[in-house]
Amino acid sequence: MESSPLELPADTLQRIASELRCHPTDERVALRLDEEDKMKHFRECFYIPKKQDLPPIDLSLVDKDEDAIYFLGNSLGLQPKMVKTYLEEELDKWAKMGAYGHEVGKRPWIIGDEVILGLMTDIVGQDICHYIQGANKKEIALMNGLTLNLHLLLLSFFKPTTKRYKILLEAKAFPSDHYAIESQLQLHGLQVEKSMRIIEPREGEETLRMEDIIEVIENEGDSIAVILFSGVHFYTGQLFNIPAITKAGQAKGCFVGFDLAHAVGNVELYLHDWGVDFACWCSYKYLNSGAGGLAGAFVHEKHAYTIKPTLVGWFGHELSTRFKMDNKLQLIPGVTGFRISNPPILLVCPLHASLEIFKQATMKALRRKSILLTGYLEYMIKQYYSQDKAETKKTVVNIITPSSIEDRGCQLTLTFSVPMKQVFQELEKRGVVCDKREPNGIRVAPVPLYNSFHDVYKFINLLTSVLDSAESKK
């Protein structure tokens, strides 16, 4: 899998097929890609669900002992095998020594979040840690849930005036972001219709064009207080140009922030170098921390002494004097001062287990594999189900995610010329774990940490079976 950085996925597939003297869609290509994959051993670090254990499975259609094809890491990542060990360590410590656990062990509870903070940073831009790249420890906090962090950040960054009172966001932002922005506007007594500026795709298009985003910022930026975009759009899978949006927004005097729920652990991020003002993310998708896992927040160091939390808690107080209990706040500068409560150690453990795997893998290498893995999925779909194949296949599968590798992560969102719900249900019965999103998309995300090229090959075969069945029932 040592392809040139300039070699596109389709070129890699055709080159390997030529070496094997077969068509790029042949199973041998997938097997060769897996054979050459230097990241393949990381799959062994995770529990892969068995098809027989999935609730919607039809046992008459599957080999019950076979691994599921899990393409849903964009919603909930798989469990790292070390999670149970780390949880048991803390439970054992609690059982044996009670409150002394706050101060001892590899994860002293009082600083449990700070112990793993280094795994979320990349201070010097080298392969030390690779998740929120180019950020330093003082710019990152692990705390709360994503939407709570978003509210805390907006309370500090969104200070509307009679001139600047709008929040700019993309169309069909994740509902939680949409609701958070609505409620922040209402909190300030603003009319949502006038203050919530939503950028829509052009008519007949699914994704936003960068030139349209920049044009709105340049034309209306003087009235925009905060720009809040997704890093990767949850529905379309579009990866937004974070540095370009940041630069354009700040040039107009706007604060620029990002919800990185679908970007963190999926694509390379350089928040500090890009000058992003603030960001937040969850950790249960690509970061595999389990449902409701510990979320994160970023505030650029340039704001460390100028942007302060509106709501303050005990854990925003400097640790050195925190236990004086004199109620004289010594606020920690920067995002660490936004922490309100003590870290939940049982949520720290799963994230710790996952981040250690990322440290070994590195985001740069994972991104390289991801581009080829998703490119292989795209190639296979287009070979079998694109519009120009309609003469041989009646069913058309459309990919609404951008085709450019710079404009997407590992997720592809598919739409179908047959009813989407029927396709989804039949895939579920066959042990494919993906998800459907209204109005008509099925999201498929081959994750480089634990998915293989053969997973993609098997998925295409099962999709063929499902679509052939749908055609026969017409």
Protein backbone atom coordinates (compact mmCIF):
# COMPACT_ATOMS: atom_id res chain seq x y z
CA MET A 1 0.00 0.00 0.00
CA GLU A 2 3.03 2.25 -0.41
CA SER A 3 1.49 4.39 -3.11
CA SER A 4 2.97 7.72 -4.11
CA PRO A 5 1.40 10.71 -2.30
CA LEU A 6 0.35 11.95 -5.73
CA GLU A 7 -1.23 8.65 -6.75
CA LEU A 8 -5.00 8.79 -6.64
CA PRO A 9 -6.89 5.78 -5.25
CA ALA A 10 -8.17 4.77 -8.70
CA ASP A 11 -4.60 4.79 -10.03
CA THR A 12 -3.43 2.61 -7.15
CA LEU A 13 -6.23 0.11 -7.79
CA GLN A 14 -5.50 -0.04 -11.50
CA ARG A 15 -1.78 -0.46 -10.87
CA ILE A 16 -2.33 -3.37 -8.48
CA ALA A 17 -4.89 -4.93 -10.83
CA SER A 18 -2.34 -4.71 -13.63
CA GLU A 19 0.25 -6.47 -11.46
CA LEU A 20 -2.28 -9.20 -10.63
CA ARG A 21 -3.60 -9.31 -14.20
CA CYS A 22 -7.19 -8.89 -13.12
CA HIS A 23 -9.87 -6.19 -13.03
CA PRO A 24 -9.67 -3.63 -10.18
CA THR A 25 -13.00 -4.96 -8.86
CA ASP A 26 -11.55 -8.46 -8.44
CA GLU A 27 -11.34 -9.80 -4.88
CA ARG A 28 -7.61 -10.32 -5.31
CA VAL A 29 -7.10 -6.54 -5.34
CA ALA A 30 -8.75 -6.19 -1.94
CA LEU A 31 -6.69 -9.05 -0.54
CA ARG A 32 -3.46 -7.53 -1.89
CA LEU A 33 -4.33 -4.15 -0.38
CA ASP A 34 -4.90 -5.78 3.00
CA GLU A 35 -1.71 -7.76 2.67
CA GLU A 36 0.29 -4.56 2.10
CA ASP A 37 -1.59 -2.55 4.74
CA LYS A 38 0.84 -1.57 7.51
CA MET A 39 -2.09 -0.53 9.70
CA LYS A 40 -3.97 -3.83 9.57
CA HIS A 41 -2.78 -5.04 12.98
CA PHE A 42 -4.70 -2.26 14.72
CA ARG A 43 -7.91 -4.13 13.94
CA GLU A 44 -6.83 -6.61 16.62
CA CYS A 45 -7.02 -3.82 19.20
CA PHE A 46 -10.83 -3.69 18.87
CA TYR A 47 -13.79 -5.96 19.45
CA ILE A 48 -15.45 -6.56 16.09
CA PRO A 49 -19.14 -7.49 16.52
CA LYS A 50 -20.21 -10.89 15.25
CA LYS A 51 -23.13 -11.00 12.85
CA GLN A 52 -25.03 -13.42 15.08
CA ASP A 53 -25.12 -10.86 17.89
CA LEU A 54 -26.73 -8.07 15.88
CA PRO A 55 -30.44 -7.52 16.65
CA PRO A 56 -31.69 -7.11 13.03
CA ILE A 57 -29.79 -10.09 11.64
CA ASP A 58 -31.46 -12.77 9.50
CA LEU A 59 -29.53 -15.93 10.37
CA SER A 60 -30.71 -17.59 7.18
CA LEU A 61 -28.70 -15.03 5.19
CA VAL A 62 -25.40 -15.05 7.06
CA ASP A 63 -22.64 -17.14 8.54
CA LYS A 64 -23.33 -16.49 12.22
CA ASP A 65 -19.66 -16.76 13.20
CA GLU A 66 -18.59 -14.15 10.68
CA ASP A 67 -17.54 -10.63 11.71
CA ALA A 68 -20.05 -7.90 10.98
CA ILE A 69 -19.11 -5.32 8.38
CA TYR A 70 -18.99 -2.35 10.74
CA PHE A 71 -19.13 0.89 8.75
CA LEU A 72 -20.63 3.05 11.50
CA GLY A 73 -17.59 4.52 13.23
CA ASN A 74 -18.89 7.93 12.16
CA SER A 75 -21.68 7.43 14.71
CA LEU A 76 -20.18 5.13 17.35
CA GLY A 77 -16.68 3.72 17.22
CA LEU A 78 -15.92 0.15 18.22
CA GLN A 79 -14.67 -0.76 21.69
CA PRO A 80 -10.91 -0.94 22.21
CA LYS A 81 -10.01 -4.15 24.01
CA MET A 82 -8.09 -2.29 26.72
CA VAL A 83 -11.18 -0.41 27.89
CA LYS A 84 -12.27 -3.17 30.24
CA THR A 85 -8.77 -3.40 31.76
CA TYR A 86 -8.58 0.32 32.43
CA LEU A 87 -12.08 0.44 33.89
CA GLU A 88 -11.31 -2.52 36.14
CA GLU A 89 -8.14 -0.79 37.35
CA GLU A 90 -10.14 2.21 38.53
CA LEU A 91 -12.98 0.13 39.97
CA ASP A 92 -10.44 -1.97 41.84
CA LYS A 93 -8.73 1.16 43.16
CA TRP A 94 -12.07 2.56 44.30
CA ALA A 95 -12.95 -0.73 46.03
CA LYS A 96 -9.61 -1.05 47.82
CA MET A 97 -8.78 2.50 48.84
CA GLY A 98 -11.83 4.72 48.37
CA ALA A 99 -11.01 8.43 48.31
CA TYR A 100 -7.25 7.85 48.19
CA GLY A 101 -7.80 7.05 44.52
CA HIS A 102 -7.97 10.79 43.90
CA GLU A 103 -4.22 11.04 44.36
CA VAL A 104 -2.62 7.72 43.34
CA GLY A 105 -2.34 5.35 40.39
CA LYS A 106 -1.72 5.92 36.68
CA ARG A 107 -4.88 8.03 36.52
CA PRO A 108 -5.26 9.96 39.81
CA TRP A 109 -8.91 10.95 39.75
CA ILE A 110 -8.35 14.59 40.58
CA ILE A 111 -6.30 15.02 37.39
CA GLY A 112 -7.66 12.12 35.34
CA ASP A 113 -8.42 14.35 32.36
CA GLU A 114 -5.00 16.03 32.47
CA VAL A 115 -3.20 12.67 32.55
CA ILE A 116 -4.41 11.86 29.03
CA LEU A 117 -4.36 15.42 27.70
CA GLY A 118 -0.96 14.90 26.11
CA LEU A 119 -2.49 12.22 23.91
CA MET A 120 -4.77 14.90 22.41
CA THR A 121 -2.04 17.34 21.46
CA ASP A 122 0.74 17.73 18.95
CA ILE A 123 2.84 20.56 20.30
CA VAL A 124 5.70 20.48 17.81
CA GLY A 125 3.81 19.18 14.78
CA GLN A 126 5.64 15.88 14.74
CA ASP A 127 4.35 12.35 15.19
CA ILE A 128 3.99 12.51 18.97
CA CYS A 129 0.24 12.86 19.24
CA HIS A 130 -2.09 13.36 16.37
CA TYR A 131 -5.65 14.25 17.11
CA ILE A 132 -6.04 17.98 17.49
CA GLN A 133 -2.80 18.69 15.70
CA GLY A 134 -0.69 21.77 16.24
CA ALA A 135 -2.42 22.53 19.53
CA ASN A 136 -0.75 22.57 22.93
CA LYS A 137 -1.99 21.34 26.29
CA LYS A 138 -3.07 24.80 27.41
CA GLU A 139 -5.39 25.07 24.42
CA ILE A 140 -7.32 21.84 25.06
CA ALA A 141 -9.65 20.61 27.79
CA LEU A 142 -11.41 17.26 28.11
CA MET A 143 -14.76 17.82 29.76
CA ASN A 144 -18.52 17.45 29.58
CA GLY A 145 -20.42 16.55 26.41
CA LEU A 146 -20.11 18.24 23.03
CA THR A 147 -23.21 20.44 23.16
CA LEU A 148 -22.51 21.58 26.71
CA ASN A 149 -19.02 22.60 25.61
CA LEU A 150 -20.48 24.41 22.63
CA HIS A 151 -22.81 26.36 24.93
CA LEU A 152 -19.96 27.28 27.29
CA LEU A 153 -17.83 28.49 24.38
CA LEU A 154 -20.63 30.46 22.74
CA LEU A 155 -21.45 32.16 26.04
CA SER A 156 -17.94 33.61 25.94
CA PHE A 157 -17.36 34.16 22.23
CA PHE A 158 -20.83 35.34 21.19
CA LYS A 159 -21.22 38.86 22.53
CA PRO A 160 -23.67 40.46 20.10
CA THR A 161 -23.82 44.20 19.49
CA THR A 162 -26.27 46.30 17.50
CA LYS A 163 -23.86 45.96 14.56
CA ARG A 164 -22.62 42.38 15.02
CA TYR A 165 -25.43 40.07 16.06
CA LYS A 166 -25.48 37.13 13.64
CA ILE A 167 -24.19 33.58 13.88
CA LEU A 168 -23.29 32.02 10.53
CA LEU A 169 -23.68 28.27 10.01
CA GLU A 170 -24.13 25.74 7.23
CA ALA A 171 -27.52 24.45 6.11
CA LYS A 172 -28.74 21.30 7.84
CA ALA A 173 -26.16 21.57 10.60
CA PHE A 174 -26.41 18.79 13.15
CA PRO A 175 -29.66 19.40 15.10
CA SER A 176 -27.86 19.82 18.42
CA ASP A 177 -25.73 22.65 16.97
CA HIS A 178 -28.79 24.22 15.42
CA TYR A 179 -30.69 24.14 18.71
CA ALA A 180 -27.69 25.46 20.64
CA ILE A 181 -27.38 28.44 18.30
CA GLU A 182 -31.10 29.13 18.42
CA SER A 183 -31.12 29.11 22.21
CA GLN A 184 -28.01 31.32 22.42
CA LEU A 185 -29.69 33.88 20.18
CA GLN A 186 -32.86 33.73 22.26
CA LEU A 187 -30.79 34.12 25.44
CA HIS A 188 -29.64 37.49 24.10
CA GLY A 189 -33.17 38.50 23.14
CA LEU A 190 -32.46 38.28 19.42
CA GLN A 191 -34.87 37.18 16.70
CA VAL A 192 -33.70 33.84 15.35
CA GLU A 193 -34.91 34.56 11.81
CA LYS A 194 -32.78 37.71 11.58
CA SER A 195 -29.75 36.55 13.51
CA MET A 196 -29.28 32.96 12.37
CA ARG A 197 -27.60 33.19 8.96
CA ILE A 198 -27.75 29.83 7.21
CA ILE A 199 -25.82 29.14 4.00
CA GLU A 200 -27.71 26.84 1.65
CA PRO A 201 -26.22 24.81 -1.22
CA ARG A 202 -27.04 25.97 -4.71
CA GLU A 203 -30.29 24.69 -6.18
CA GLY A 204 -29.93 21.07 -7.25
CA GLU A 205 -26.70 20.59 -5.27
CA GLU A 206 -26.15 18.72 -2.00
CA THR A 207 -22.93 20.31 -0.72
CA LEU A 208 -21.68 23.84 -0.28
CA ARG A 209 -19.19 25.49 -2.60
CA MET A 210 -16.30 27.20 -0.88
CA GLU A 211 -16.62 30.26 -3.07
CA ASP A 212 -20.21 30.69 -1.89
CA ILE A 213 -19.19 30.45 1.77
CA ILE A 214 -16.41 33.01 1.28
CA GLU A 215 -18.75 35.33 -0.64
CA VAL A 216 -21.29 35.38 2.20
CA ILE A 217 -18.54 36.08 4.73
CA GLU A 218 -17.12 38.93 2.64
CA ASN A 219 -20.52 40.46 1.89
CA GLU A 220 -22.11 40.07 5.33
CA GLY A 221 -19.15 39.65 7.66
CA ASP A 222 -19.56 43.05 9.28
CA SER A 223 -22.85 41.87 10.83
CA ILE A 224 -21.59 38.40 11.82
CA ALA A 225 -20.29 37.94 15.36
CA VAL A 226 -19.52 34.23 15.19
CA ILE A 227 -19.05 31.73 12.38
CA LEU A 228 -19.77 28.18 13.52
CA PHE A 229 -19.33 25.37 11.01
CA SER A 230 -18.93 21.63 11.19
CA GLY A 231 -15.49 20.32 10.38
CA VAL A 232 -17.15 17.48 8.47
CA HIS A 233 -20.87 17.68 7.75
CA PHE A 234 -22.69 14.82 9.45
CA TYR A 235 -25.07 14.11 6.55
CA THR A 236 -23.14 14.80 3.35
CA GLY A 237 -19.69 13.94 4.70
CA GLN A 238 -18.29 17.17 3.24
CA LEU A 239 -14.99 18.26 4.82
CA PHE A 240 -15.02 22.03 5.01
CA ASN A 241 -11.90 24.07 4.35
CA ILE A 242 -11.28 25.04 7.96
CA PRO A 243 -8.23 27.30 7.41
CA ALA A 244 -9.88 29.19 4.54
CA ILE A 245 -13.11 29.78 6.46
CA THR A 246 -11.12 30.84 9.52
CA LYS A 247 -8.98 33.28 7.56
CA ALA A 248 -11.94 34.81 5.74
CA GLY A 249 -14.02 35.17 8.91
CA GLN A 250 -11.27 36.70 11.01
CA ALA A 251 -10.44 39.15 8.20
CA LYS A 252 -13.97 40.51 8.69
CA GLY A 253 -13.63 40.64 12.48
CA CYS A 254 -15.64 37.49 13.24
CA PHE A 255 -14.79 34.80 15.77
CA VAL A 256 -14.58 31.44 13.99
CA GLY A 257 -15.33 28.12 15.67
CA PHE A 258 -15.94 24.53 14.59
CA ASP A 259 -17.86 21.49 15.74
CA LEU A 260 -15.36 18.73 15.01
CA ALA A 261 -17.54 15.77 16.00
CA HIS A 262 -17.12 14.12 12.58
CA ALA A 263 -13.61 15.46 11.91
CA VAL A 264 -11.58 14.55 14.99
CA GLY A 265 -9.81 11.22 14.54
CA ASN A 266 -10.97 11.23 10.93
CA VAL A 267 -8.87 13.91 9.22
CA GLU A 268 -5.72 15.80 10.12
CA LEU A 269 -6.37 18.99 12.08
CA TYR A 270 -4.00 21.86 12.82
CA LEU A 271 -6.17 24.16 14.94
CA HIS A 272 -3.39 26.25 16.42
CA ASP A 273 -1.58 26.81 13.13
CA TRP A 274 -4.84 27.58 11.36
CA GLY A 275 -5.66 30.17 14.01
CA VAL A 276 -9.09 28.73 14.80
CA ASP A 277 -10.62 30.69 17.68
CA PHE A 278 -12.48 27.83 19.33
CA ALA A 279 -13.69 24.30 18.67
CA CYS A 280 -15.37 21.39 20.39
CA TRP A 281 -15.86 17.71 19.68
CA CYS A 282 -17.23 14.48 21.03
CA SER A 283 -15.06 11.38 21.37
CA TYR A 284 -17.41 8.46 20.82
CA LYS A 285 -17.30 8.46 17.01
CA TYR A 286 -13.85 8.12 15.45
CA LEU A 287 -12.17 8.38 18.87
CA ASN A 288 -13.95 5.23 20.12
CA SER A 289 -14.64 6.29 23.72
CA GLY A 290 -18.10 4.73 24.01
CA ALA A 291 -21.60 6.21 23.98
CA GLY A 292 -21.70 9.55 25.77
CA GLY A 293 -17.90 9.63 26.08
CA LEU A 294 -15.88 12.53 27.40
CA ALA A 295 -15.90 15.50 25.02
CA GLY A 296 -13.23 18.08 24.25
CA ALA A 297 -12.84 21.79 23.72
CA PHE A 298 -10.20 24.06 22.19
CA VAL A 299 -9.55 27.75 22.70
CA HIS A 300 -6.60 29.28 20.89
CA GLU A 301 -3.86 30.54 23.18
CA LYS A 302 -4.22 34.06 21.76
CA HIS A 303 -7.47 34.27 23.75
CA ALA A 304 -6.06 32.84 27.00
CA TYR A 305 -6.30 36.14 28.91
CA THR A 306 -9.03 37.91 26.95
CA ILE A 307 -11.78 35.30 26.65
CA LYS A 308 -13.01 34.00 29.99
CA PRO A 309 -15.75 31.54 30.92
CA THR A 310 -19.13 33.08 31.61
CA LEU A 311 -20.05 30.18 33.88
CA VAL A 312 -17.34 29.15 36.34
CA GLY A 313 -16.88 26.05 38.47
CA TRP A 314 -14.38 24.76 41.02
CA PHE A 315 -12.22 22.95 38.49
CA GLY A 316 -11.57 26.19 36.63
CA HIS A 317 -9.60 27.29 39.71
CA GLU A 318 -5.81 26.80 39.78
CA LEU A 319 -4.98 23.38 41.25
CA SER A 320 -2.23 24.76 43.49
CA THR A 321 -4.73 26.78 45.56
CA ARG A 322 -7.97 24.95 44.76
CA PHE A 323 -8.11 23.19 48.10
CA LYS A 324 -7.66 26.35 50.17
CA MET A 325 -11.43 26.59 49.78
CA ASP A 326 -11.37 30.36 50.40
CA ASN A 327 -13.78 31.18 47.56
CA LYS A 328 -11.28 33.57 46.01
CA LEU A 329 -11.21 32.52 42.38
CA GLN A 330 -7.83 32.02 40.76
CA LEU A 331 -9.02 31.27 37.26
CA ILE A 332 -6.81 29.10 35.08
CA PRO A 333 -6.12 31.01 31.85
CA GLY A 334 -7.49 29.65 28.59
CA VAL A 335 -9.78 26.73 27.97
CA THR A 336 -8.73 24.87 31.14
CA GLY A 337 -10.52 27.56 33.12
CA PHE A 338 -13.74 26.56 31.37
CA ARG A 339 -13.80 23.26 33.27
CA ILE A 340 -16.59 23.17 35.81
CA SER A 341 -16.51 19.82 37.57
CA ASN A 342 -14.08 17.05 38.43
CA PRO A 343 -13.26 14.67 35.59
CA PRO A 344 -15.43 11.52 35.34
CA ILE A 345 -12.76 8.86 35.66
CA LEU A 346 -14.96 6.09 34.26
CA LEU A 347 -15.26 8.13 31.06
CA VAL A 348 -11.56 8.93 31.02
CA CYS A 349 -10.67 5.22 30.84
CA PRO A 350 -12.23 4.34 27.45
CA LEU A 351 -10.83 7.49 25.86
CA HIS A 352 -7.40 6.71 27.30
CA ALA A 353 -7.49 3.22 25.78
CA SER A 354 -8.41 4.55 22.35
CA LEU A 355 -5.98 7.47 22.28
CA GLU A 356 -3.08 5.15 23.03
CA ILE A 357 -3.91 3.30 19.82
CA PHE A 358 -3.99 6.56 17.87
CA LYS A 359 -0.60 7.47 19.28
CA GLN A 360 0.86 4.27 17.82
CA ALA A 361 -0.96 4.59 14.51
CA THR A 362 -0.55 8.36 13.92
CA MET A 363 -3.19 10.42 12.16
CA LYS A 364 -0.94 11.02 9.17
CA ALA A 365 -0.70 7.28 8.44
CA LEU A 366 -4.38 6.70 9.21
CA ARG A 367 -5.40 9.50 6.87
CA ARG A 368 -3.24 8.02 4.13
CA LYS A 369 -4.97 4.65 4.50
CA SER A 370 -8.37 6.30 4.81
CA ILE A 371 -8.00 8.08 1.49
CA LEU A 372 -7.28 4.78 -0.26
CA LEU A 373 -9.89 2.80 1.67
CA THR A 374 -12.69 5.28 0.97
CA GLY A 375 -11.40 5.72 -2.56
CA TYR A 376 -11.69 1.97 -3.06
CA LEU A 377 -15.29 2.04 -1.84
CA GLU A 378 -16.07 4.93 -4.17
CA TYR A 379 -14.41 3.17 -7.12
CA MET A 380 -16.36 -0.03 -6.55
CA ILE A 381 -19.69 1.78 -6.28
CA LYS A 382 -19.04 3.75 -9.44
CA GLN A 383 -17.96 0.62 -11.30
CA TYR A 384 -21.20 -1.14 -10.50
CA TYR A 385 -23.86 1.49 -9.91
CA SER A 386 -23.01 4.85 -11.45
CA GLN A 387 -25.43 6.48 -13.87
CA ASP A 388 -23.41 5.44 -16.92
CA LYS A 389 -23.76 1.79 -15.89
CA ALA A 390 -27.54 2.06 -16.05
CA GLU A 391 -27.71 -0.03 -19.20
CA THR A 392 -26.57 -3.12 -17.30
CA LYS A 393 -27.83 -2.18 -13.84
CA LYS A 394 -31.25 -0.61 -13.40
CA THR A 395 -30.46 0.63 -9.90
CA VAL A 396 -28.33 3.75 -9.63
CA VAL A 397 -26.34 4.54 -6.48
CA ASN A 398 -25.39 8.18 -6.17
CA ILE A 399 -22.61 9.42 -3.88
CA ILE A 400 -23.46 12.88 -2.56
CA THR A 401 -20.19 13.20 -0.62
CA PRO A 402 -17.61 15.26 -2.57
CA SER A 403 -15.43 13.16 -4.87
CA SER A 404 -12.30 15.21 -4.15
CA ILE A 405 -10.23 13.55 -1.41
CA GLU A 406 -9.43 17.01 0.03
CA ASP A 407 -13.13 17.62 0.63
CA ARG A 408 -14.10 14.50 2.57
CA GLY A 409 -13.07 12.16 5.36
CA CYS A 410 -13.86 8.45 5.36
CA GLN A 411 -17.67 8.72 5.16
CA LEU A 412 -19.60 8.37 1.91
CA THR A 413 -23.31 9.18 1.89
CA LEU A 414 -25.24 7.16 -0.67
CA THR A 415 -28.64 7.73 -2.23
CA PHE A 416 -30.54 5.20 -4.33
CA SER A 417 -32.96 5.03 -7.21
CA VAL A 418 -34.91 2.47 -5.16
CA PRO A 419 -36.43 3.10 -1.69
CA MET A 420 -33.61 3.82 0.77
CA LYS A 421 -35.30 2.25 3.78
CA GLN A 422 -35.69 -1.07 2.00
CA VAL A 423 -32.00 -1.11 1.04
CA PHE A 424 -30.98 -0.27 4.60
CA GLN A 425 -33.13 -2.97 6.18
CA GLU A 426 -31.79 -5.63 3.82
CA LEU A 427 -28.19 -4.60 4.52
CA GLU A 428 -28.90 -4.87 8.25
CA LYS A 429 -30.26 -8.38 7.84
CA ARG A 430 -26.96 -9.37 6.18
CA GLY A 431 -24.73 -8.04 8.96
CA VAL A 432 -23.79 -4.65 7.52
CA VAL A 433 -23.74 -1.96 10.19
CA CYS A 434 -24.24 1.50 8.72
CA ASP A 435 -27.06 4.00 9.22
CA LYS A 436 -29.76 5.88 7.40
CA ARG A 437 -30.35 9.60 7.66
CA GLU A 438 -33.38 11.46 6.43
CA PRO A 439 -34.32 12.46 3.88
CA ASN A 440 -32.79 9.69 1.75
CA GLY A 441 -29.18 8.92 2.65
CA ILE A 442 -27.32 5.84 3.88
CA ARG A 443 -24.01 6.73 5.52
CA VAL A 444 -21.15 4.30 5.05
CA ALA A 445 -17.85 4.93 6.83
CA PRO A 446 -14.91 2.55 6.43
CA VAL A 447 -12.67 3.47 9.38
CA PRO A 448 -8.93 2.93 8.79
CA LEU A 449 -8.20 1.79 12.36
CA TYR A 450 -10.33 -1.35 12.19
CA ASN A 451 -11.84 -1.72 8.73
CA SER A 452 -10.18 -3.64 5.92
CA PHE A 453 -10.26 -3.46 2.15
CA HIS A 454 -11.88 -6.88 2.16
CA ASP A 455 -14.68 -5.38 4.30
CA VAL A 456 -15.34 -3.00 1.42
CA TYR A 457 -15.28 -5.84 -1.11
CA LYS A 458 -17.76 -7.87 0.95
CA PHE A 459 -19.98 -4.82 1.42
CA ILE A 460 -20.21 -4.32 -2.34
CA ASN A 461 -21.17 -7.98 -2.81
CA LEU A 462 -23.90 -7.69 -0.19
CA LEU A 463 -25.12 -4.42 -1.65
CA THR A 464 -25.34 -6.15 -5.04
CA SER A 465 -27.42 -8.93 -3.48
CA VAL A 466 -29.73 -6.37 -1.85
CA LEU A 467 -30.20 -4.28 -4.99
CA ASP A 468 -30.72 -7.31 -7.20
CA SER A 469 -33.42 -8.44 -4.79
CA ALA A 470 -35.01 -5.00 -4.87
CA GLU A 471 -35.06 -5.06 -8.67
CA SER A 472 -36.68 -8.49 -8.78
CA LYS A 473 -39.51 -7.30 -6.53
CA LYS A 474 -40.44 -4.42 -8.84
